[in-house]
Every structure is written in C-alpha cells, then in structure tokens.
C-alpha cells in the first residue's frame, strides 16, 4: 500500500489505547471511546479508521468551528443568561477570550467595537 492510499489503517481500535494488565473491568473512558469509535468514527464499519475517516473526524465538513467557539464563549461568560455579553462579563472572563480563536487570541478585544 502506498502512503496516499486511503485504505491504509491509521487507527485500528480504541482498545489499542488501553492495556488491561490487571484483568479487571475496562474503565468508563475506554467503554465510551469504544462506543464513539463504532458509532461515529468507523464510518465503513471495518473495525479500523482509514485516512478518509480520520480526516472526517478531525475536520468534519458539517461543523462550524467559529460558531461553536462563539457559543462556548457566550455560554461560559453570560452570567445573567440573557444571551448578550456586557463589557463586565467579557472582562470578568478575559482569560477565556484572550485564549480564543474567535477573538483572534485577544487581538480583537483591543479594538473599539460599537457592540461592546
């Protein structure tokens, strides 16, 4: 198989991440990962993830990263839950905004905005 062949196995199973050396039950995170793998990541149900499946997992086409980040910032910072951020709410959570791609890592906070 060539490196460009999309059938090349990149991830074969979430069980590869966990070695159950004591023989006890699997931890919850392993069970959850196994379910995520079979339900959402292994799209062709062959028990492994190829290049195309990994690409879909890492960069899904139907997921708006900017919208998700904006919703996250509002959810975490909107103390009075009115779906609007006041200057105080933004300043109280400045560290979240400075570390956010949605604010260009804080650069957009230094500019004058009518909405703020």
PDB file of N, CA and C in Angstrom:
ATOM      1  N   UNK A   1       0.830  -1.192   0.000  1.00  0.00           N
ATOM      2  CA  UNK A   1       0.000   0.000   0.000  1.00  0.00           C
ATOM      3  C   UNK A   1       0.867   1.245   0.000  1.00  0.00           C
ATOM      4  N   UNK A   2       0.469   2.229  -0.775  1.00  0.00           N
ATOM      5  CA  UNK A   2       1.201   3.491  -0.779  1.00  0.00           C
ATOM      6  C   UNK A   2       0.742   4.358   0.381  1.00  0.00           C
ATOM      7  N   UNK A   3       1.544   5.361   0.717  1.00  0.00           N
ATOM      8  CA  UNK A   3       1.189   6.288   1.794  1.00  0.00           C
ATOM      9  C   UNK A   3      -0.070   7.074   1.442  1.00  0.00           C
ATOM     10  N   UNK A   4      -0.363   7.255   0.152  1.00  0.00           N
ATOM     11  CA  UNK A   4      -1.514   8.028  -0.281  1.00  0.00           C
ATOM     12  C   UNK A   4      -2.793   7.190  -0.343  1.00  0.00           C
ATOM     13  N   UNK A   5      -2.691   5.892  -0.197  1.00  0.00           N
ATOM     14  CA  UNK A   5      -3.845   5.004  -0.281  1.00  0.00           C
ATOM     15  C   UNK A   5      -4.763   5.260   0.908  1.00  0.00           C
ATOM     16  N   UNK A   6      -6.022   5.638   0.634  1.00  0.00           N
ATOM     17  CA  UNK A   6      -6.942   5.982   1.716  1.00  0.00           C
ATOM     18  C   UNK A   6      -7.379   4.764   2.518  1.00  0.00           C
ATOM     19  N   UNK A   7      -7.076   3.561   2.063  1.00  0.00           N
ATOM     20  CA  UNK A   7      -7.457   2.373   2.813  1.00  0.00           C
ATOM     21  C   UNK A   7      -6.409   1.991   3.857  1.00  0.00           C
ATOM     22  N   UNK A   8      -5.314   2.726   3.914  1.00  0.00           N
ATOM     23  CA  UNK A   8      -4.281   2.455   4.905  1.00  0.00           C
ATOM     24  C   UNK A   8      -4.856   2.636   6.311  1.00  0.00           C
ATOM     25  N   UNK A   9      -4.660   1.666   7.176  1.00  0.00           N
ATOM     26  CA  UNK A   9      -5.169   1.737   8.532  1.00  0.00           C
ATOM     27  C   UNK A   9      -4.337   2.703   9.358  1.00  0.00           C
ATOM     28  N   UNK A  10      -5.009   3.687   9.940  1.00  0.00           N
ATOM     29  CA  UNK A  10      -4.329   4.633  10.819  1.00  0.00           C
ATOM     30  C   UNK A  10      -4.636   4.341  12.275  1.00  0.00           C
ATOM     31  N   UNK A  11      -5.885   4.005  12.566  1.00  0.00           N
ATOM     32  CA  UNK A  11      -6.304   3.666  13.927  1.00  0.00           C
ATOM     33  C   UNK A  11      -7.124   2.391  13.815  1.00  0.00           C
ATOM     34  N   UNK A  12      -6.735   1.374  14.575  1.00  0.00           N
ATOM     35  CA  UNK A  12      -7.453   0.113  14.409  1.00  0.00           C
ATOM     36  C   UNK A  12      -8.520  -0.116  15.468  1.00  0.00           C
ATOM     37  N   UNK A  13      -8.336   0.412  16.657  1.00  0.00           N
ATOM     38  CA  UNK A  13      -9.326   0.171  17.696  1.00  0.00           C
ATOM     39  C   UNK A  13      -9.012   1.027  18.913  1.00  0.00           C
ATOM     40  N   UNK A  14     -10.041   1.505  19.613  1.00  0.00           N
ATOM     41  CA  UNK A  14      -9.767   2.239  20.842  1.00  0.00           C
ATOM     42  C   UNK A  14      -9.134   1.347  21.910  1.00  0.00           C
ATOM     43  N   UNK A  15      -9.303   0.054  21.765  1.00  0.00           N
ATOM     44  CA  UNK A  15      -8.680  -0.867  22.716  1.00  0.00           C
ATOM     45  C   UNK A  15      -7.161  -0.786  22.657  1.00  0.00           C
ATOM     46  N   UNK A  16      -6.624  -0.299  21.530  1.00  0.00           N
ATOM     47  CA  UNK A  16      -5.174  -0.121  21.404  1.00  0.00           C
ATOM     48  C   UNK A  16      -4.634   0.894  22.405  1.00  0.00           C
ATOM     49  N   UNK A  17      -5.496   1.770  22.895  1.00  0.00           N
ATOM     50  CA  UNK A  17      -5.066   2.824  23.815  1.00  0.00           C
ATOM     51  C   UNK A  17      -4.977   2.335  25.261  1.00  0.00           C
ATOM     52  N   UNK A  18      -5.498   1.170  25.543  1.00  0.00           N
ATOM     53  CA  UNK A  18      -5.589   0.704  26.927  1.00  0.00           C
ATOM     54  C   UNK A  18      -5.101  -0.733  27.044  1.00  0.00           C
ATOM     55  N   UNK A  19      -4.151  -0.933  27.923  1.00  0.00           N
ATOM     56  CA  UNK A  19      -3.674  -2.290  28.211  1.00  0.00           C
ATOM     57  C   UNK A  19      -4.223  -2.690  29.569  1.00  0.00           C
ATOM     58  N   UNK A  20      -5.136  -3.633  29.582  1.00  0.00           N
ATOM     59  CA  UNK A  20      -5.775  -4.077  30.817  1.00  0.00           C
ATOM     60  C   UNK A  20      -4.898  -5.141  31.466  1.00  0.00           C
ATOM     61  N   UNK A  21      -3.886  -4.672  32.186  1.00  0.00           N
ATOM     62  CA  UNK A  21      -2.899  -5.588  32.764  1.00  0.00           C
ATOM     63  C   UNK A  21      -3.392  -6.326  33.998  1.00  0.00           C
ATOM     64  N   UNK A  22      -4.352  -5.733  34.720  1.00  0.00           N
ATOM     65  CA  UNK A  22      -4.817  -6.401  35.951  1.00  0.00           C
ATOM     66  C   UNK A  22      -6.024  -7.300  35.719  1.00  0.00           C
ATOM     67  N   UNK A  23      -6.559  -7.326  34.499  1.00  0.00           N
ATOM     68  CA  UNK A  23      -7.670  -8.218  34.169  1.00  0.00           C
ATOM     69  C   UNK A  23      -9.015  -7.745  34.672  1.00  0.00           C
ATOM     70  N   UNK A  24      -9.078  -6.566  35.287  1.00  0.00           N
ATOM     71  CA  UNK A  24     -10.340  -6.030  35.793  1.00  0.00           C
ATOM     72  C   UNK A  24     -11.199  -5.468  34.686  1.00  0.00           C
ATOM     73  N   UNK A  25     -12.318  -4.888  35.064  1.00  0.00           N
ATOM     74  CA  UNK A  25     -13.205  -4.310  34.051  1.00  0.00           C
ATOM     75  C   UNK A  25     -12.571  -3.085  33.387  1.00  0.00           C
ATOM     76  N   UNK A  26     -12.993  -2.835  32.159  1.00  0.00           N
ATOM     77  CA  UNK A  26     -12.494  -1.667  31.446  1.00  0.00           C
ATOM     78  C   UNK A  26     -13.014  -0.392  32.112  1.00  0.00           C
ATOM     79  N   UNK A  27     -12.186   0.647  32.181  1.00  0.00           N
ATOM     80  CA  UNK A  27     -12.650   1.924  32.727  1.00  0.00           C
ATOM     81  C   UNK A  27     -13.723   2.531  31.826  1.00  0.00           C
ATOM     82  N   UNK A  28     -14.519   3.429  32.392  1.00  0.00           N
ATOM     83  CA  UNK A  28     -15.596   4.068  31.638  1.00  0.00           C
ATOM     84  C   UNK A  28     -15.095   4.774  30.383  1.00  0.00           C
ATOM     85  N   UNK A  29     -13.910   5.412  30.471  1.00  0.00           N
ATOM     86  CA  UNK A  29     -13.416   6.147  29.305  1.00  0.00           C
ATOM     87  C   UNK A  29     -13.126   5.221  28.133  1.00  0.00           C
ATOM     88  N   UNK A  30     -12.697   3.999  28.414  1.00  0.00           N
ATOM     89  CA  UNK A  30     -12.423   3.028  27.342  1.00  0.00           C
ATOM     90  C   UNK A  30     -13.739   2.586  26.706  1.00  0.00           C
ATOM     91  N   UNK A  31     -14.741   2.347  27.535  1.00  0.00           N
ATOM     92  CA  UNK A  31     -16.055   1.946  27.023  1.00  0.00           C
ATOM     93  C   UNK A  31     -16.643   3.062  26.157  1.00  0.00           C
ATOM     94  N   UNK A  32     -16.531   4.306  26.644  1.00  0.00           N
ATOM     95  CA  UNK A  32     -17.034   5.455  25.881  1.00  0.00           C
ATOM     96  C   UNK A  32     -16.300   5.599  24.560  1.00  0.00           C
ATOM     97  N   UNK A  33     -14.974   5.477  24.581  1.00  0.00           N
ATOM     98  CA  UNK A  33     -14.194   5.578  23.344  1.00  0.00           C
ATOM     99  C   UNK A  33     -14.544   4.464  22.366  1.00  0.00           C
ATOM    100  N   UNK A  34     -14.769   3.276  22.875  1.00  0.00           N
ATOM    101  CA  UNK A  34     -15.138   2.155  22.007  1.00  0.00           C
ATOM    102  C   UNK A  34     -16.488   2.434  21.329  1.00  0.00           C
ATOM    103  N   UNK A  35     -17.443   2.985  22.089  1.00  0.00           N
ATOM    104  CA  UNK A  35     -18.750   3.324  21.524  1.00  0.00           C
ATOM    105  C   UNK A  35     -18.621   4.441  20.485  1.00  0.00           C
ATOM    106  N   UNK A  36     -17.842   5.489  20.803  1.00  0.00           N
ATOM    107  CA  UNK A  36     -17.624   6.586  19.861  1.00  0.00           C
ATOM    108  C   UNK A  36     -16.989   6.071  18.571  1.00  0.00           C
ATOM    109  N   UNK A  37     -16.029   5.172  18.733  1.00  0.00           N
ATOM    110  CA  UNK A  37     -15.341   4.597  17.575  1.00  0.00           C
ATOM    111  C   UNK A  37     -16.328   3.860  16.680  1.00  0.00           C
ATOM    112  N   UNK A  38     -17.117   2.987  17.257  1.00  0.00           N
ATOM    113  CA  UNK A  38     -18.011   2.171  16.429  1.00  0.00           C
ATOM    114  C   UNK A  38     -19.205   2.960  15.907  1.00  0.00           C
ATOM    115  N   UNK A  39     -19.703   3.925  16.685  1.00  0.00           N
ATOM    116  CA  UNK A  39     -20.900   4.661  16.274  1.00  0.00           C
ATOM    117  C   UNK A  39     -20.613   5.833  15.329  1.00  0.00           C
ATOM    118  N   UNK A  40     -19.455   6.502  15.519  1.00  0.00           N
ATOM    119  CA  UNK A  40     -19.228   7.749  14.788  1.00  0.00           C
ATOM    120  C   UNK A  40     -17.940   7.803  13.963  1.00  0.00           C
ATOM    121  N   UNK A  41     -16.912   7.087  14.358  1.00  0.00           N
ATOM    122  CA  UNK A  41     -15.618   7.239  13.684  1.00  0.00           C
ATOM    123  C   UNK A  41     -15.359   6.196  12.611  1.00  0.00           C
ATOM    124  N   UNK A  42     -15.727   4.954  12.858  1.00  0.00           N
ATOM    125  CA  UNK A  42     -15.516   3.879  11.883  1.00  0.00           C
ATOM    126  C   UNK A  42     -16.704   3.870  10.923  1.00  0.00           C
ATOM    127  N   UNK A  43     -16.692   4.791   9.973  1.00  0.00           N
ATOM    128  CA  UNK A  43     -17.849   5.020   9.104  1.00  0.00           C
ATOM    129  C   UNK A  43     -18.186   3.827   8.214  1.00  0.00           C
ATOM    130  N   UNK A  44     -17.178   3.094   7.759  1.00  0.00           N
ATOM    131  CA  UNK A  44     -17.456   1.944   6.888  1.00  0.00           C
ATOM    132  C   UNK A  44     -17.545   0.630   7.667  1.00  0.00           C
ATOM    133  N   UNK A  45     -17.458   0.722   8.977  1.00  0.00           N
ATOM    134  CA  UNK A  45     -17.660  -0.419   9.900  1.00  0.00           C
ATOM    135  C   UNK A  45     -16.727  -1.593   9.630  1.00  0.00           C
ATOM    136  N   UNK A  46     -15.450  -1.273   9.293  1.00  0.00           N
ATOM    137  CA  UNK A  46     -14.485  -2.341   9.074  1.00  0.00           C
ATOM    138  C   UNK A  46     -13.575  -2.562  10.283  1.00  0.00           C
ATOM    139  N   UNK A  47     -13.856  -1.876  11.397  1.00  0.00           N
ATOM    140  CA  UNK A  47     -13.087  -2.077  12.611  1.00  0.00           C
ATOM    141  C   UNK A  47     -11.813  -1.263  12.692  1.00  0.00           C
ATOM    142  N   UNK A  48     -11.599  -0.372  11.741  1.00  0.00           N
ATOM    143  CA  UNK A  48     -10.400   0.464  11.748  1.00  0.00           C
ATOM    144  C   UNK A  48     -10.728   1.786  11.062  1.00  0.00           C
ATOM    145  N   UNK A  49      -9.880   2.765  11.303  1.00  0.00           N
ATOM    146  CA  UNK A  49     -10.072   4.069  10.669  1.00  0.00           C
ATOM    147  C   UNK A  49      -9.010   4.266   9.602  1.00  0.00           C
ATOM    148  N   UNK A  50      -9.464   4.556   8.389  1.00  0.00           N
ATOM    149  CA  UNK A  50      -8.536   4.861   7.309  1.00  0.00           C
ATOM    150  C   UNK A  50      -8.336   6.381   7.239  1.00  0.00           C
ATOM    151  N   UNK A  51      -7.557   6.805   6.276  1.00  0.00           N
ATOM    152  CA  UNK A  51      -7.224   8.239   6.130  1.00  0.00           C
ATOM    153  C   UNK A  51      -8.479   9.096   6.006  1.00  0.00           C
ATOM    154  N   UNK A  52      -9.439   8.674   5.193  1.00  0.00           N
ATOM    155  CA  UNK A  52     -10.660   9.459   4.989  1.00  0.00           C
ATOM    156  C   UNK A  52     -11.485   9.566   6.273  1.00  0.00           C
ATOM    157  N   UNK A  53     -11.564   8.487   7.031  1.00  0.00           N
ATOM    158  CA  UNK A  53     -12.317   8.516   8.284  1.00  0.00           C
ATOM    159  C   UNK A  53     -11.643   9.405   9.325  1.00  0.00           C
ATOM    160  N   UNK A  54     -10.325   9.387   9.375  1.00  0.00           N
ATOM    161  CA  UNK A  54      -9.594  10.257  10.299  1.00  0.00           C
ATOM    162  C   UNK A  54      -9.799  11.714   9.900  1.00  0.00           C
ATOM    163  N   UNK A  55      -9.747  11.996   8.597  1.00  0.00           N
ATOM    164  CA  UNK A  55      -9.959  13.361   8.127  1.00  0.00           C
ATOM    165  C   UNK A  55     -11.363  13.847   8.492  1.00  0.00           C
ATOM    166  N   UNK A  56     -12.359  13.011   8.324  1.00  0.00           N
ATOM    167  CA  UNK A  56     -13.733  13.375   8.681  1.00  0.00           C
ATOM    168  C   UNK A  56     -13.868  13.628  10.175  1.00  0.00           C
ATOM    169  N   UNK A  57     -13.153  12.873  10.980  1.00  0.00           N
ATOM    170  CA  UNK A  57     -13.188  13.015  12.437  1.00  0.00           C
ATOM    171  C   UNK A  57     -12.506  14.313  12.868  1.00  0.00           C
ATOM    172  N   UNK A  58     -11.331  14.599  12.309  1.00  0.00           N
ATOM    173  CA  UNK A  58     -10.555  15.767  12.713  1.00  0.00           C
ATOM    174  C   UNK A  58     -11.108  17.053  12.099  1.00  0.00           C
ATOM    175  N   UNK A  59     -11.527  16.999  10.844  1.00  0.00           N
ATOM    176  CA  UNK A  59     -12.029  18.181  10.130  1.00  0.00           C
ATOM    177  C   UNK A  59     -13.398  17.900   9.514  1.00  0.00           C
ATOM    178  N   UNK A  60     -14.426  17.728  10.342  1.00  0.00           N
ATOM    179  CA  UNK A  60     -15.747  17.429   9.780  1.00  0.00           C
ATOM    180  C   UNK A  60     -16.254  18.585   8.921  1.00  0.00           C
ATOM    181  N   UNK A  61     -16.863  18.253   7.814  1.00  0.00           N
ATOM    182  CA  UNK A  61     -17.348  19.265   6.879  1.00  0.00           C
ATOM    183  C   UNK A  61     -18.597  19.974   7.390  1.00  0.00           C
ATOM    184  N   UNK A  62     -19.361  19.332   8.238  1.00  0.00           N
ATOM    185  CA  UNK A  62     -20.633  19.889   8.688  1.00  0.00           C
ATOM    186  C   UNK A  62     -20.547  20.541  10.065  1.00  0.00           C
ATOM    187  N   UNK A  63     -19.356  20.944  10.489  1.00  0.00           N
ATOM    188  CA  UNK A  63     -19.169  21.521  11.815  1.00  0.00           C
ATOM    189  C   UNK A  63     -18.583  22.919  11.671  1.00  0.00           C
ATOM    190  N   UNK A  64     -19.262  23.899  12.206  1.00  0.00           N
ATOM    191  CA  UNK A  64     -18.814  25.285  12.133  1.00  0.00           C
ATOM    192  C   UNK A  64     -18.026  25.608  13.404  1.00  0.00           C
ATOM    193  N   UNK A  65     -16.710  25.582  13.299  1.00  0.00           N
ATOM    194  CA  UNK A  65     -15.848  25.792  14.462  1.00  0.00           C
ATOM    195  C   UNK A  65     -16.020  27.181  15.066  1.00  0.00           C
ATOM    196  N   UNK A  66     -16.152  28.189  14.226  1.00  0.00           N
ATOM    197  CA  UNK A  66     -16.298  29.559  14.728  1.00  0.00           C
ATOM    198  C   UNK A  66     -17.599  29.718  15.504  1.00  0.00           C
ATOM    199  N   UNK A  67     -18.678  29.176  14.973  1.00  0.00           N
ATOM    200  CA  UNK A  67     -19.963  29.251  15.661  1.00  0.00           C
ATOM    201  C   UNK A  67     -19.913  28.497  16.990  1.00  0.00           C
ATOM    202  N   UNK A  68     -19.304  27.326  16.986  1.00  0.00           N
ATOM    203  CA  UNK A  68     -19.191  26.539  18.224  1.00  0.00           C
ATOM    204  C   UNK A  68     -18.371  27.288  19.268  1.00  0.00           C
ATOM    205  N   UNK A  69     -17.286  27.919  18.853  1.00  0.00           N
ATOM    206  CA  UNK A  69     -16.452  28.678  19.784  1.00  0.00           C
ATOM    207  C   UNK A  69     -17.199  29.889  20.325  1.00  0.00           C
ATOM    208  N   UNK A  70     -17.923  30.591  19.453  1.00  0.00           N
ATOM    209  CA  UNK A  70     -18.704  31.756  19.894  1.00  0.00           C
ATOM    210  C   UNK A  70     -19.771  31.345  20.905  1.00  0.00           C
ATOM    211  N   UNK A  71     -20.467  30.257  20.625  1.00  0.00           N
ATOM    212  CA  UNK A  71     -21.491  29.760  21.570  1.00  0.00           C
ATOM    213  C   UNK A  71     -20.858  29.380  22.910  1.00  0.00           C
ATOM    214  N   UNK A  72     -19.703  28.761  22.848  1.00  0.00           N
ATOM    215  CA  UNK A  72     -18.988  28.373  24.068  1.00  0.00           C
ATOM    216  C   UNK A  72     -18.629  29.606  24.895  1.00  0.00           C
ATOM    217  N   UNK A  73     -18.104  30.641  24.235  1.00  0.00           N
ATOM    218  CA  UNK A  73     -17.723  31.859  24.951  1.00  0.00           C
ATOM    219  C   UNK A  73     -18.934  32.523  25.596  1.00  0.00           C
ATOM    220  N   UNK A  74     -20.042  32.595  24.874  1.00  0.00           N
ATOM    221  CA  UNK A  74     -21.254  33.197  25.440  1.00  0.00           C
ATOM    222  C   UNK A  74     -21.766  32.342  26.591  1.00  0.00           C
ATOM    223  N   UNK A  75     -21.832  31.042  26.400  1.00  0.00           N
ATOM    224  CA  UNK A  75     -22.339  30.149  27.449  1.00  0.00           C
ATOM    225  C   UNK A  75     -21.529  30.277  28.735  1.00  0.00           C
ATOM    226  N   UNK A  76     -20.217  30.307  28.608  1.00  0.00           N
ATOM    227  CA  UNK A  76     -19.352  30.355  29.784  1.00  0.00           C
ATOM    228  C   UNK A  76     -19.294  31.736  30.431  1.00  0.00           C
ATOM    229  N   UNK A  77     -19.555  32.795  29.681  1.00  0.00           N
ATOM    230  CA  UNK A  77     -19.364  34.156  30.196  1.00  0.00           C
ATOM    231  C   UNK A  77     -20.660  34.897  30.515  1.00  0.00           C
ATOM    232  N   UNK A  78     -21.775  34.472  29.971  1.00  0.00           N
ATOM    233  CA  UNK A  78     -23.051  35.169  30.134  1.00  0.00           C
ATOM    234  C   UNK A  78     -23.666  34.834  31.493  1.00  0.00           C
ATOM    235  N   UNK A  79     -23.243  35.563  32.511  1.00  0.00           N
ATOM    236  CA  UNK A  79     -23.652  35.276  33.894  1.00  0.00           C
ATOM    237  C   UNK A  79     -25.161  35.368  34.070  1.00  0.00           C
ATOM    238  N   UNK A  80     -25.795  36.391  33.496  1.00  0.00           N
ATOM    239  CA  UNK A  80     -27.241  36.566  33.678  1.00  0.00           C
ATOM    240  C   UNK A  80     -28.075  35.809  32.644  1.00  0.00           C
ATOM    241  N   UNK A  81     -27.412  35.065  31.766  1.00  0.00           N
ATOM    242  CA  UNK A  81     -28.054  34.180  30.780  1.00  0.00           C
ATOM    243  C   UNK A  81     -29.081  34.903  29.909  1.00  0.00           C
ATOM    244  N   UNK A  82     -28.745  36.148  29.502  1.00  0.00           N
ATOM    245  CA  UNK A  82     -29.630  36.900  28.615  1.00  0.00           C
ATOM    246  C   UNK A  82     -29.197  36.811  27.153  1.00  0.00           C
ATOM    247  N   UNK A  83     -28.199  35.954  26.872  1.00  0.00           N
ATOM    248  CA  UNK A  83     -27.663  35.760  25.524  1.00  0.00           C
ATOM    249  C   UNK A  83     -26.973  37.001  24.973  1.00  0.00           C
ATOM    250  N   UNK A  84     -26.591  37.909  25.870  1.00  0.00           N
ATOM    251  CA  UNK A  84     -25.834  39.101  25.492  1.00  0.00           C
ATOM    252  C   UNK A  84     -24.691  39.243  26.484  1.00  0.00           C
ATOM    253  N   UNK A  85     -23.552  39.652  25.988  1.00  0.00           N
ATOM    254  CA  UNK A  85     -22.405  39.839  26.874  1.00  0.00           C
ATOM    255  C   UNK A  85     -22.194  41.324  27.139  1.00  0.00           C
ATOM    256  N   UNK A  86     -22.120  41.653  28.412  1.00  0.00           N
ATOM    257  CA  UNK A  86     -21.785  43.013  28.792  1.00  0.00           C
ATOM    258  C   UNK A  86     -20.271  43.138  28.832  1.00  0.00           C
ATOM    259  N   UNK A  87     -19.815  44.364  28.869  1.00  0.00           N
ATOM    260  CA  UNK A  87     -18.379  44.610  28.978  1.00  0.00           C
ATOM    261  C   UNK A  87     -17.832  43.939  30.238  1.00  0.00           C
ATOM    262  N   UNK A  88     -18.592  44.009  31.319  1.00  0.00           N
ATOM    263  CA  UNK A  88     -18.160  43.405  32.581  1.00  0.00           C
ATOM    264  C   UNK A  88     -18.048  41.885  32.467  1.00  0.00           C
ATOM    265  N   UNK A  89     -19.000  41.256  31.783  1.00  0.00           N
ATOM    266  CA  UNK A  89     -18.944  39.804  31.616  1.00  0.00           C
ATOM    267  C   UNK A  89     -17.722  39.393  30.802  1.00  0.00           C
ATOM    268  N   UNK A  90     -17.402  40.174  29.784  1.00  0.00           N
ATOM    269  CA  UNK A  90     -16.217  39.882  28.986  1.00  0.00           C
ATOM    270  C   UNK A  90     -14.960  40.076  29.819  1.00  0.00           C
ATOM    271  N   UNK A  91     -14.886  41.187  30.544  1.00  0.00           N
ATOM    272  CA  UNK A  91     -13.695  41.459  31.356  1.00  0.00           C
ATOM    273  C   UNK A  91     -13.531  40.458  32.491  1.00  0.00           C
ATOM    274  N   UNK A  92     -14.639  40.015  33.064  1.00  0.00           N
ATOM    275  CA  UNK A  92     -14.562  39.008  34.131  1.00  0.00           C
ATOM    276  C   UNK A  92     -14.011  37.675  33.630  1.00  0.00           C
ATOM    277  N   UNK A  93     -14.140  37.429  32.337  1.00  0.00           N
ATOM    278  CA  UNK A  93     -13.654  36.183  31.735  1.00  0.00           C
ATOM    279  C   UNK A  93     -12.609  36.463  30.666  1.00  0.00           C
ATOM    280  N   UNK A  94     -11.827  37.489  30.872  1.00  0.00           N
ATOM    281  CA  UNK A  94     -10.844  37.921  29.873  1.00  0.00           C
ATOM    282  C   UNK A  94      -9.919  36.797  29.446  1.00  0.00           C
ATOM    283  N   UNK A  95      -9.532  35.930  30.384  1.00  0.00           N
ATOM    284  CA  UNK A  95      -8.592  34.861  30.033  1.00  0.00           C
ATOM    285  C   UNK A  95      -9.178  33.887  29.017  1.00  0.00           C
ATOM    286  N   UNK A  96     -10.478  33.668  29.062  1.00  0.00           N
ATOM    287  CA  UNK A  96     -11.117  32.784  28.095  1.00  0.00           C
ATOM    288  C   UNK A  96     -11.118  33.430  26.711  1.00  0.00           C
ATOM    289  N   UNK A  97     -11.369  34.735  26.660  1.00  0.00           N
ATOM    290  CA  UNK A  97     -11.408  35.438  25.380  1.00  0.00           C
ATOM    291  C   UNK A  97     -10.015  35.599  24.778  1.00  0.00           C
ATOM    292  N   UNK A  98      -9.037  35.852  25.617  1.00  0.00           N
ATOM    293  CA  UNK A  98      -7.669  36.024  25.126  1.00  0.00           C
ATOM    294  C   UNK A  98      -7.150  34.725  24.517  1.00  0.00           C
ATOM    295  N   UNK A  99      -7.586  33.607  25.041  1.00  0.00           N
ATOM    296  CA  UNK A  99      -7.151  32.310  24.525  1.00  0.00           C
ATOM    297  C   UNK A  99      -8.036  31.760  23.434  1.00  0.00           C
ATOM    298  N   UNK A 100      -8.969  32.565  22.931  1.00  0.00           N
ATOM    299  CA  UNK A 100      -9.927  32.074  21.958  1.00  0.00           C
ATOM    300  C   UNK A 100      -9.584  32.483  20.537  1.00  0.00           C
ATOM    301  N   UNK A 101      -9.745  31.549  19.635  1.00  0.00           N
ATOM    302  CA  UNK A 101      -9.572  31.823  18.217  1.00  0.00           C
ATOM    303  C   UNK A 101     -10.640  32.803  17.728  1.00  0.00           C
ATOM    304  N   UNK A 102     -11.808  32.788  18.375  1.00  0.00           N
ATOM    305  CA  UNK A 102     -12.909  33.661  17.959  1.00  0.00           C
ATOM    306  C   UNK A 102     -12.568  35.138  18.135  1.00  0.00           C
ATOM    307  N   UNK A 103     -11.659  35.449  19.042  1.00  0.00           N
ATOM    308  CA  UNK A 103     -11.247  36.845  19.243  1.00  0.00           C
ATOM    309  C   UNK A 103      -9.853  37.093  18.688  1.00  0.00           C
ATOM    310  N   UNK A 104      -9.421  36.204  17.798  1.00  0.00           N
ATOM    311  CA  UNK A 104      -8.079  36.313  17.228  1.00  0.00           C
ATOM    312  C   UNK A 104      -7.048  36.336  18.358  1.00  0.00           C
ATOM    313  N   UNK A 105      -7.261  35.451  19.314  1.00  0.00           N
ATOM    314  CA  UNK A 105      -6.402  35.297  20.501  1.00  0.00           C
ATOM    315  C   UNK A 105      -6.233  36.607  21.252  1.00  0.00           C
ATOM    316  N   UNK A 106      -7.363  37.332  21.408  1.00  0.00           N
ATOM    317  CA  UNK A 106      -7.389  38.541  22.204  1.00  0.00           C
ATOM    318  C   UNK A 106      -7.143  39.817  21.435  1.00  0.00           C
ATOM    319  N   UNK A 107      -6.609  39.708  20.240  1.00  0.00           N
ATOM    320  CA  UNK A 107      -6.280  40.914  19.475  1.00  0.00           C
ATOM    321  C   UNK A 107      -7.517  41.763  19.183  1.00  0.00           C
ATOM    322  N   UNK A 108      -8.658  41.112  18.887  1.00  0.00           N
ATOM    323  CA  UNK A 108      -9.875  41.857  18.577  1.00  0.00           C
ATOM    324  C   UNK A 108     -10.432  42.596  19.787  1.00  0.00           C
ATOM    325  N   UNK A 109     -10.032  42.202  20.988  1.00  0.00           N
ATOM    326  CA  UNK A 109     -10.518  42.873  22.193  1.00  0.00           C
ATOM    327  C   UNK A 109      -9.876  44.235  22.404  1.00  0.00           C
ATOM    328  N   UNK A 110      -8.785  44.503  21.718  1.00  0.00           N
ATOM    329  CA  UNK A 110      -8.094  45.783  21.887  1.00  0.00           C
ATOM    330  C   UNK A 110      -8.627  46.848  20.944  1.00  0.00           C
ATOM    331  N   UNK A 111      -9.527  46.483  20.052  1.00  0.00           N
ATOM    332  CA  UNK A 111     -10.093  47.429  19.089  1.00  0.00           C
ATOM    333  C   UNK A 111     -11.419  47.962  19.621  1.00  0.00           C
ATOM    334  N   UNK A 112     -11.802  49.158  19.189  1.00  0.00           N
ATOM    335  CA  UNK A 112     -13.097  49.721  19.563  1.00  0.00           C
ATOM    336  C   UNK A 112     -14.209  49.031  18.791  1.00  0.00           C
ATOM    337  N   UNK A 113     -15.250  48.646  19.516  1.00  0.00           N
ATOM    338  CA  UNK A 113     -16.408  47.990  18.915  1.00  0.00           C
ATOM    339  C   UNK A 113     -17.673  48.647  19.434  1.00  0.00           C
ATOM    340  N   UNK A 114     -18.604  48.948  18.565  1.00  0.00           N
ATOM    341  CA  UNK A 114     -19.877  49.512  18.982  1.00  0.00           C
ATOM    342  C   UNK A 114     -20.667  48.525  19.831  1.00  0.00           C
ATOM    343  N   UNK A 115     -20.567  47.214  19.501  1.00  0.00           N
ATOM    344  CA  UNK A 115     -21.361  46.213  20.202  1.00  0.00           C
ATOM    345  C   UNK A 115     -20.877  45.963  21.618  1.00  0.00           C
ATOM    346  N   UNK A 116     -19.668  46.377  21.961  1.00  0.00           N
ATOM    347  CA  UNK A 116     -19.173  46.220  23.329  1.00  0.00           C
ATOM    348  C   UNK A 116     -19.457  47.485  24.085  1.00  0.00           C
TER     349      UNK A 116
END
